[in-house]
Amino acid sequence: MARLVLTRWIPLLILQSFLLAIAFGSNEVEEEFSESLLLKPLPDRKVLAHFHFENRAPPSNSHGRHHHLFPKAISQLVLARTRLDQNLP
């Protein structure tokens, strides 16, 4: 009898968990990425290319260690350079 009651509640618990995940997960602001390219012809038959990249991410508890948009390898290079600059007299 107890097993029959338990099997009735399992689908309801799964459904409730799913609905709670949807309700609380939909309020998060997602990361955004945009890029643009400006090409301008120069008088000497050359081309000026200006690239503009913009990342927008909500504040997080990871202290800037999110690597969904910003490559981890570049982040490590910047952090290493910052530490090196701080150690110089």
PDB file of N, CA and C in Angstrom:
ATOM      1  N   MET A   1       0.828  -1.202   0.000  1.00  0.00           N
ATOM      2  CA  MET A   1       0.000   0.000   0.000  1.00  0.00           C
ATOM      3  C   MET A   1       0.869   1.261   0.000  1.00  0.00           C
ATOM      4  N   ALA A   2       1.913   1.287   0.831  1.00  0.00           N
ATOM      5  CA  ALA A   2       2.783   2.460   0.902  1.00  0.00           C
ATOM      6  C   ALA A   2       3.506   2.681  -0.418  1.00  0.00           C
ATOM      7  N   ARG A   3       3.852   1.588  -1.088  1.00  0.00           N
ATOM      8  CA  ARG A   3       4.541   1.707  -2.376  1.00  0.00           C
ATOM      9  C   ARG A   3       3.617   2.323  -3.422  1.00  0.00           C
ATOM     10  N   LEU A   4       2.339   1.980  -3.394  1.00  0.00           N
ATOM     11  CA  LEU A   4       1.367   2.533  -4.335  1.00  0.00           C
ATOM     12  C   LEU A   4       1.198   4.030  -4.111  1.00  0.00           C
ATOM     13  N   VAL A   5       1.154   4.466  -2.878  1.00  0.00           N
ATOM     14  CA  VAL A   5       1.024   5.889  -2.558  1.00  0.00           C
ATOM     15  C   VAL A   5       2.270   6.637  -3.010  1.00  0.00           C
ATOM     16  N   LEU A   6       3.441   6.051  -2.806  1.00  0.00           N
ATOM     17  CA  LEU A   6       4.691   6.682  -3.205  1.00  0.00           C
ATOM     18  C   LEU A   6       4.771   6.848  -4.720  1.00  0.00           C
ATOM     19  N   THR A   7       4.340   5.856  -5.472  1.00  0.00           N
ATOM     20  CA  THR A   7       4.393   5.958  -6.936  1.00  0.00           C
ATOM     21  C   THR A   7       3.414   6.993  -7.461  1.00  0.00           C
ATOM     22  N   ARG A   8       2.379   7.306  -6.742  1.00  0.00           N
ATOM     23  CA  ARG A   8       1.447   8.365  -7.162  1.00  0.00           C
ATOM     24  C   ARG A   8       2.066   9.748  -6.972  1.00  0.00           C
ATOM     25  N   TRP A   9       2.884   9.922  -5.940  1.00  0.00           N
ATOM     26  CA  TRP A   9       3.449  11.230  -5.625  1.00  0.00           C
ATOM     27  C   TRP A   9       4.688  11.566  -6.445  1.00  0.00           C
ATOM     28  N   ILE A  10       5.393  10.578  -6.948  1.00  0.00           N
ATOM     29  CA  ILE A  10       6.630  10.839  -7.690  1.00  0.00           C
ATOM     30  C   ILE A  10       6.385  11.716  -8.918  1.00  0.00           C
ATOM     31  N   PRO A  11       5.393  11.419  -9.775  1.00  0.00           N
ATOM     32  CA  PRO A  11       5.171  12.322 -10.922  1.00  0.00           C
ATOM     33  C   PRO A  11       4.804  13.744 -10.505  1.00  0.00           C
ATOM     34  N   LEU A  12       4.055  13.881  -9.417  1.00  0.00           N
ATOM     35  CA  LEU A  12       3.691  15.219  -8.952  1.00  0.00           C
ATOM     36  C   LEU A  12       4.909  15.977  -8.437  1.00  0.00           C
ATOM     37  N   LEU A  13       5.812  15.299  -7.745  1.00  0.00           N
ATOM     38  CA  LEU A  13       7.032  15.943  -7.262  1.00  0.00           C
ATOM     39  C   LEU A  13       7.937  16.355  -8.421  1.00  0.00           C
ATOM     40  N   ILE A  14       8.020  15.512  -9.440  1.00  0.00           N
ATOM     41  CA  ILE A  14       8.824  15.855 -10.618  1.00  0.00           C
ATOM     42  C   ILE A  14       8.225  17.064 -11.327  1.00  0.00           C
ATOM     43  N   LEU A  15       6.910  17.080 -11.484  1.00  0.00           N
ATOM     44  CA  LEU A  15       6.238  18.209 -12.133  1.00  0.00           C
ATOM     45  C   LEU A  15       6.438  19.491 -11.328  1.00  0.00           C
ATOM     46  N   GLN A  16       6.319  19.408 -10.016  1.00  0.00           N
ATOM     47  CA  GLN A  16       6.513  20.584  -9.177  1.00  0.00           C
ATOM     48  C   GLN A  16       7.948  21.102  -9.288  1.00  0.00           C
ATOM     49  N   SER A  17       8.916  20.220  -9.278  1.00  0.00           N
ATOM     50  CA  SER A  17      10.318  20.637  -9.421  1.00  0.00           C
ATOM     51  C   SER A  17      10.554  21.312 -10.760  1.00  0.00           C
ATOM     52  N   PHE A  18       9.975  20.764 -11.805  1.00  0.00           N
ATOM     53  CA  PHE A  18      10.118  21.338 -13.143  1.00  0.00           C
ATOM     54  C   PHE A  18       9.498  22.731 -13.207  1.00  0.00           C
ATOM     55  N   LEU A  19       8.308  22.895 -12.653  1.00  0.00           N
ATOM     56  CA  LEU A  19       7.640  24.199 -12.680  1.00  0.00           C
ATOM     57  C   LEU A  19       8.396  25.236 -11.850  1.00  0.00           C
ATOM     58  N   LEU A  20       8.953  24.835 -10.727  1.00  0.00           N
ATOM     59  CA  LEU A  20       9.754  25.763  -9.922  1.00  0.00           C
ATOM     60  C   LEU A  20      11.025  26.179 -10.660  1.00  0.00           C
ATOM     61  N   ALA A  21      11.638  25.246 -11.360  1.00  0.00           N
ATOM     62  CA  ALA A  21      12.845  25.580 -12.124  1.00  0.00           C
ATOM     63  C   ALA A  21      12.527  26.574 -13.226  1.00  0.00           C
ATOM     64  N   ILE A  22      11.397  26.408 -13.882  1.00  0.00           N
ATOM     65  CA  ILE A  22      10.995  27.350 -14.934  1.00  0.00           C
ATOM     66  C   ILE A  22      10.677  28.715 -14.333  1.00  0.00           C
ATOM     67  N   ALA A  23       9.956  28.733 -13.226  1.00  0.00           N
ATOM     68  CA  ALA A  23       9.546  30.003 -12.620  1.00  0.00           C
ATOM     69  C   ALA A  23      10.736  30.818 -12.138  1.00  0.00           C
ATOM     70  N   PHE A  24      11.690  30.195 -11.491  1.00  0.00           N
ATOM     71  CA  PHE A  24      12.827  30.936 -10.958  1.00  0.00           C
ATOM     72  C   PHE A  24      13.925  31.137 -11.985  1.00  0.00           C
ATOM     73  N   GLY A  25      14.023  30.284 -12.950  1.00  0.00           N
ATOM     74  CA  GLY A  25      15.067  30.410 -13.961  1.00  0.00           C
ATOM     75  C   GLY A  25      14.752  31.441 -15.023  1.00  0.00           C
ATOM     76  N   SER A  26      13.497  31.785 -15.215  1.00  0.00           N
ATOM     77  CA  SER A  26      13.126  32.717 -16.279  1.00  0.00           C
ATOM     78  C   SER A  26      13.392  34.170 -15.913  1.00  0.00           C
ATOM     79  N   ASN A  27      13.649  34.475 -14.644  1.00  0.00           N
ATOM     80  CA  ASN A  27      13.876  35.855 -14.229  1.00  0.00           C
ATOM     81  C   ASN A  27      15.318  36.309 -14.409  1.00  0.00           C
ATOM     82  N   GLU A  28      16.210  35.405 -14.737  1.00  0.00           N
ATOM     83  CA  GLU A  28      17.611  35.763 -14.870  1.00  0.00           C
ATOM     84  C   GLU A  28      17.845  36.553 -16.151  1.00  0.00           C
ATOM     85  N   VAL A  29      18.717  37.536 -16.059  1.00  0.00           N
ATOM     86  CA  VAL A  29      19.106  38.315 -17.225  1.00  0.00           C
ATOM     87  C   VAL A  29      20.228  37.558 -17.913  1.00  0.00           C
ATOM     88  N   GLU A  30      20.080  37.354 -19.190  1.00  0.00           N
ATOM     89  CA  GLU A  30      21.086  36.596 -19.913  1.00  0.00           C
ATOM     90  C   GLU A  30      22.209  37.504 -20.392  1.00  0.00           C
ATOM     91  N   GLU A  31      23.314  36.875 -20.717  1.00  0.00           N
ATOM     92  CA  GLU A  31      24.446  37.607 -21.254  1.00  0.00           C
ATOM     93  C   GLU A  31      24.149  38.001 -22.696  1.00  0.00           C
ATOM     94  N   GLU A  32      24.689  39.136 -23.101  1.00  0.00           N
ATOM     95  CA  GLU A  32      24.511  39.617 -24.466  1.00  0.00           C
ATOM     96  C   GLU A  32      25.871  39.891 -25.081  1.00  0.00           C
ATOM     97  N   PHE A  33      25.944  39.702 -26.363  1.00  0.00           N
ATOM     98  CA  PHE A  33      27.175  39.961 -27.094  1.00  0.00           C
ATOM     99  C   PHE A  33      26.801  40.633 -28.404  1.00  0.00           C
ATOM    100  N   SER A  34      27.489  41.711 -28.729  1.00  0.00           N
ATOM    101  CA  SER A  34      27.266  42.361 -30.026  1.00  0.00           C
ATOM    102  C   SER A  34      28.613  42.739 -30.618  1.00  0.00           C
ATOM    103  N   GLU A  35      28.643  42.810 -31.913  1.00  0.00           N
ATOM    104  CA  GLU A  35      29.869  43.193 -32.606  1.00  0.00           C
ATOM    105  C   GLU A  35      29.501  44.016 -33.831  1.00  0.00           C
ATOM    106  N   SER A  36      30.401  44.905 -34.198  1.00  0.00           N
ATOM    107  CA  SER A  36      30.182  45.702 -35.406  1.00  0.00           C
ATOM    108  C   SER A  36      31.521  45.913 -36.095  1.00  0.00           C
ATOM    109  N   LEU A  37      31.441  46.163 -37.382  1.00  0.00           N
ATOM    110  CA  LEU A  37      32.631  46.382 -38.192  1.00  0.00           C
ATOM    111  C   LEU A  37      32.376  47.592 -39.070  1.00  0.00           C
ATOM    112  N   LEU A  38      33.279  48.555 -39.013  1.00  0.00           N
ATOM    113  CA  LEU A  38      33.203  49.742 -39.857  1.00  0.00           C
ATOM    114  C   LEU A  38      34.368  49.682 -40.842  1.00  0.00           C
ATOM    115  N   LEU A  39      34.056  49.692 -42.112  1.00  0.00           N
ATOM    116  CA  LEU A  39      35.078  49.710 -43.157  1.00  0.00           C
ATOM    117  C   LEU A  39      35.042  51.066 -43.840  1.00  0.00           C
ATOM    118  N   LYS A  40      36.201  51.695 -43.951  1.00  0.00           N
ATOM    119  CA  LYS A  40      36.275  53.022 -44.555  1.00  0.00           C
ATOM    120  C   LYS A  40      37.428  53.035 -45.561  1.00  0.00           C
ATOM    121  N   PRO A  41      37.136  53.366 -46.814  1.00  0.00           N
ATOM    122  CA  PRO A  41      38.217  53.427 -47.799  1.00  0.00           C
ATOM    123  C   PRO A  41      39.111  54.642 -47.545  1.00  0.00           C
ATOM    124  N   LEU A  42      40.403  54.432 -47.665  1.00  0.00           N
ATOM    125  CA  LEU A  42      41.376  55.504 -47.499  1.00  0.00           C
ATOM    126  C   LEU A  42      41.867  55.951 -48.874  1.00  0.00           C
ATOM    127  N   PRO A  43      42.426  57.163 -48.966  1.00  0.00           N
ATOM    128  CA  PRO A  43      42.817  57.704 -50.271  1.00  0.00           C
ATOM    129  C   PRO A  43      43.882  56.873 -50.997  1.00  0.00           C
ATOM    130  N   ASP A  44      44.744  56.187 -50.278  1.00  0.00           N
ATOM    131  CA  ASP A  44      45.826  55.452 -50.940  1.00  0.00           C
ATOM    132  C   ASP A  44      45.432  54.003 -51.265  1.00  0.00           C
ATOM    133  N   ARG A  45      44.154  53.765 -51.503  1.00  0.00           N
ATOM    134  CA  ARG A  45      43.582  52.473 -51.893  1.00  0.00           C
ATOM    135  C   ARG A  45      43.714  51.419 -50.792  1.00  0.00           C
ATOM    136  N   LYS A  46      43.823  51.866 -49.571  1.00  0.00           N
ATOM    137  CA  LYS A  46      43.812  50.970 -48.420  1.00  0.00           C
ATOM    138  C   LYS A  46      42.463  51.097 -47.729  1.00  0.00           C
ATOM    139  N   VAL A  47      42.218  50.219 -46.789  1.00  0.00           N
ATOM    140  CA  VAL A  47      40.938  50.214 -46.082  1.00  0.00           C
ATOM    141  C   VAL A  47      41.198  50.272 -44.579  1.00  0.00           C
ATOM    142  N   LEU A  48      40.462  51.165 -43.921  1.00  0.00           N
ATOM    143  CA  LEU A  48      40.509  51.246 -42.469  1.00  0.00           C
ATOM    144  C   LEU A  48      39.402  50.337 -41.931  1.00  0.00           C
ATOM    145  N   ALA A  49      39.763  49.426 -41.045  1.00  0.00           N
ATOM    146  CA  ALA A  49      38.785  48.521 -40.435  1.00  0.00           C
ATOM    147  C   ALA A  49      38.745  48.786 -38.935  1.00  0.00           C
ATOM    148  N   HIS A  50      37.549  49.058 -38.423  1.00  0.00           N
ATOM    149  CA  HIS A  50      37.363  49.299 -36.989  1.00  0.00           C
ATOM    150  C   HIS A  50      36.390  48.245 -36.468  1.00  0.00           C
ATOM    151  N   PHE A  51      36.869  47.406 -35.553  1.00  0.00           N
ATOM    152  CA  PHE A  51      36.042  46.373 -34.951  1.00  0.00           C
ATOM    153  C   PHE A  51      35.600  46.845 -33.572  1.00  0.00           C
ATOM    154  N   HIS A  52      34.334  46.604 -33.243  1.00  0.00           N
ATOM    155  CA  HIS A  52      33.809  46.970 -31.927  1.00  0.00           C
ATOM    156  C   HIS A  52      33.070  45.759 -31.359  1.00  0.00           C
ATOM    157  N   PHE A  53      33.532  45.268 -30.220  1.00  0.00           N
ATOM    158  CA  PHE A  53      32.907  44.141 -29.546  1.00  0.00           C
ATOM    159  C   PHE A  53      32.390  44.620 -28.196  1.00  0.00           C
ATOM    160  N   GLU A  54      31.190  44.188 -27.852  1.00  0.00           N
ATOM    161  CA  GLU A  54      30.598  44.603 -26.579  1.00  0.00           C
ATOM    162  C   GLU A  54      29.965  43.394 -25.901  1.00  0.00           C
ATOM    163  N   ASN A  55      30.320  43.183 -24.643  1.00  0.00           N
ATOM    164  CA  ASN A  55      29.750  42.116 -23.821  1.00  0.00           C
ATOM    165  C   ASN A  55      28.944  42.736 -22.697  1.00  0.00           C
ATOM    166  N   ARG A  56      27.796  42.156 -22.429  1.00  0.00           N
ATOM    167  CA  ARG A  56      26.991  42.585 -21.285  1.00  0.00           C
ATOM    168  C   ARG A  56      26.609  41.338 -20.508  1.00  0.00           C
ATOM    169  N   ALA A  57      26.930  41.354 -19.226  1.00  0.00           N
ATOM    170  CA  ALA A  57      26.611  40.223 -18.364  1.00  0.00           C
ATOM    171  C   ALA A  57      26.105  40.755 -17.034  1.00  0.00           C
ATOM    172  N   PRO A  58      25.140  40.067 -16.448  1.00  0.00           N
ATOM    173  CA  PRO A  58      24.642  40.504 -15.143  1.00  0.00           C
ATOM    174  C   PRO A  58      25.703  40.277 -14.072  1.00  0.00           C
ATOM    175  N   PRO A  59      25.629  41.027 -12.980  1.00  0.00           N
ATOM    176  CA  PRO A  59      26.581  40.798 -11.887  1.00  0.00           C
ATOM    177  C   PRO A  59      26.423  39.378 -11.351  1.00  0.00           C
ATOM    178  N   SER A  60      27.519  38.781 -10.991  1.00  0.00           N
ATOM    179  CA  SER A  60      27.449  37.414 -10.481  1.00  0.00           C
ATOM    180  C   SER A  60      28.366  37.281  -9.275  1.00  0.00           C
ATOM    181  N   ASN A  61      28.266  36.152  -8.631  1.00  0.00           N
ATOM    182  CA  ASN A  61      29.113  35.878  -7.471  1.00  0.00           C
ATOM    183  C   ASN A  61      30.440  35.261  -7.870  1.00  0.00           C
ATOM    184  N   SER A  62      30.697  35.150  -9.160  1.00  0.00           N
ATOM    185  CA  SER A  62      31.926  34.497  -9.611  1.00  0.00           C
ATOM    186  C   SER A  62      33.090  35.470  -9.697  1.00  0.00           C
ATOM    187  N   HIS A  63      32.887  36.746  -9.348  1.00  0.00           N
ATOM    188  CA  HIS A  63      33.944  37.758  -9.339  1.00  0.00           C
ATOM    189  C   HIS A  63      34.640  37.864 -10.691  1.00  0.00           C
ATOM    190  N   GLY A  64      33.859  37.874 -11.759  1.00  0.00           N
ATOM    191  CA  GLY A  64      34.429  38.053 -13.090  1.00  0.00           C
ATOM    192  C   GLY A  64      35.027  36.800 -13.688  1.00  0.00           C
ATOM    193  N   ARG A  65      34.812  35.674 -13.091  1.00  0.00           N
ATOM    194  CA  ARG A  65      35.393  34.446 -13.623  1.00  0.00           C
ATOM    195  C   ARG A  65      34.357  33.642 -14.407  1.00  0.00           C
ATOM    196  N   HIS A  66      33.588  34.293 -15.212  1.00  0.00           N
ATOM    197  CA  HIS A  66      32.652  33.593 -16.091  1.00  0.00           C
ATOM    198  C   HIS A  66      33.261  33.609 -17.489  1.00  0.00           C
ATOM    199  N   HIS A  67      33.216  32.507 -18.150  1.00  0.00           N
ATOM    200  CA  HIS A  67      33.890  32.403 -19.439  1.00  0.00           C
ATOM    201  C   HIS A  67      32.930  31.953 -20.532  1.00  0.00           C
ATOM    202  N   HIS A  68      31.710  32.443 -20.479  1.00  0.00           N
ATOM    203  CA  HIS A  68      30.755  32.124 -21.536  1.00  0.00           C
ATOM    204  C   HIS A  68      31.014  32.996 -22.754  1.00  0.00           C
ATOM    205  N   LEU A  69      31.379  34.240 -22.535  1.00  0.00           N
ATOM    206  CA  LEU A  69      31.614  35.167 -23.641  1.00  0.00           C
ATOM    207  C   LEU A  69      33.065  35.585 -23.739  1.00  0.00           C
ATOM    208  N   PHE A  70      33.717  35.745 -22.618  1.00  0.00           N
ATOM    209  CA  PHE A  70      35.108  36.201 -22.608  1.00  0.00           C
ATOM    210  C   PHE A  70      36.010  34.982 -22.466  1.00  0.00           C
ATOM    211  N   PRO A  71      36.923  34.765 -23.394  1.00  0.00           N
ATOM    212  CA  PRO A  71      37.748  33.554 -23.366  1.00  0.00           C
ATOM    213  C   PRO A  71      38.604  33.456 -22.104  1.00  0.00           C
ATOM    214  N   LYS A  72      38.658  32.263 -21.550  1.00  0.00           N
ATOM    215  CA  LYS A  72      39.415  32.024 -20.326  1.00  0.00           C
ATOM    216  C   LYS A  72      40.905  32.279 -20.539  1.00  0.00           C
ATOM    217  N   ALA A  73      41.434  31.930 -21.708  1.00  0.00           N
ATOM    218  CA  ALA A  73      42.864  32.115 -21.979  1.00  0.00           C
ATOM    219  C   ALA A  73      43.250  33.594 -21.927  1.00  0.00           C
ATOM    220  N   ILE A  74      42.411  34.461 -22.480  1.00  0.00           N
ATOM    221  CA  ILE A  74      42.700  35.901 -22.453  1.00  0.00           C
ATOM    222  C   ILE A  74      42.588  36.425 -21.022  1.00  0.00           C
ATOM    223  N   SER A  75      41.610  35.937 -20.289  1.00  0.00           N
ATOM    224  CA  SER A  75      41.455  36.350 -18.894  1.00  0.00           C
ATOM    225  C   SER A  75      42.690  35.988 -18.078  1.00  0.00           C
ATOM    226  N   GLN A  76      43.241  34.810 -18.311  1.00  0.00           N
ATOM    227  CA  GLN A  76      44.437  34.397 -17.588  1.00  0.00           C
ATOM    228  C   GLN A  76      45.630  35.279 -17.948  1.00  0.00           C
ATOM    229  N   LEU A  77      45.750  35.661 -19.219  1.00  0.00           N
ATOM    230  CA  LEU A  77      46.837  36.552 -19.630  1.00  0.00           C
ATOM    231  C   LEU A  77      46.724  37.918 -18.958  1.00  0.00           C
ATOM    232  N   VAL A  78      45.511  38.454 -18.909  1.00  0.00           N
ATOM    233  CA  VAL A  78      45.298  39.765 -18.285  1.00  0.00           C
ATOM    234  C   VAL A  78      45.614  39.699 -16.797  1.00  0.00           C
ATOM    235  N   LEU A  79      45.157  38.643 -16.124  1.00  0.00           N
ATOM    236  CA  LEU A  79      45.439  38.509 -14.690  1.00  0.00           C
ATOM    237  C   LEU A  79      46.933  38.345 -14.431  1.00  0.00           C
ATOM    238  N   ALA A  80      47.629  37.596 -15.275  1.00  0.00           N
ATOM    239  CA  ALA A  80      49.075  37.425 -15.108  1.00  0.00           C
ATOM    240  C   ALA A  80      49.794  38.754 -15.303  1.00  0.00           C
ATOM    241  N   ARG A  81      49.374  39.535 -16.285  1.00  0.00           N
ATOM    242  CA  ARG A  81      49.990  40.839 -16.547  1.00  0.00           C
ATOM    243  C   ARG A  81      49.730  41.792 -15.377  1.00  0.00           C
ATOM    244  N   THR A  82      48.528  41.751 -14.826  1.00  0.00           N
ATOM    245  CA  THR A  82      48.189  42.613 -13.695  1.00  0.00           C
ATOM    246  C   THR A  82      49.058  42.272 -12.488  1.00  0.00           C
ATOM    247  N   ARG A  83      49.238  40.984 -12.236  1.00  0.00           N
ATOM    248  CA  ARG A  83      50.086  40.574 -11.106  1.00  0.00           C
ATOM    249  C   ARG A  83      51.528  41.000 -11.331  1.00  0.00           C
ATOM    250  N   LEU A  84      52.003  40.905 -12.564  1.00  0.00           N
ATOM    251  CA  LEU A  84      53.375  41.303 -12.881  1.00  0.00           C
ATOM    252  C   LEU A  84      53.557  42.800 -12.666  1.00  0.00           C
ATOM    253  N   ASP A  85      52.581  43.602 -13.116  1.00  0.00           N
ATOM    254  CA  ASP A  85      52.658  45.057 -12.942  1.00  0.00           C
ATOM    255  C   ASP A  85      52.644  45.452 -11.468  1.00  0.00           C
ATOM    256  N   GLN A  86      51.925  44.731 -10.647  1.00  0.00           N
ATOM    257  CA  GLN A  86      51.849  45.054  -9.224  1.00  0.00           C
ATOM    258  C   GLN A  86      53.152  44.741  -8.500  1.00  0.00           C
ATOM    259  N   ASN A  87      53.912  43.779  -9.012  1.00  0.00           N
ATOM    260  CA  ASN A  87      55.171  43.399  -8.362  1.00  0.00           C
ATOM    261  C   ASN A  87      56.343  44.278  -8.774  1.00  0.00           C
ATOM    262  N   LEU A  88      56.189  45.077  -9.823  1.00  0.00           N
ATOM    263  CA  LEU A  88      57.278  45.946 -10.260  1.00  0.00           C
ATOM    264  C   LEU A  88      57.384  47.158  -9.340  1.00  0.00           C
ATOM    265  N   PRO A  89      58.634  47.644  -9.072  1.00  0.00           N
ATOM    266  CA  PRO A  89      58.790  48.803  -8.167  1.00  0.00           C
ATOM    267  C   PRO A  89      58.315  50.090  -8.789  1.00  0.00           C
TER     268      PRO A  89
END
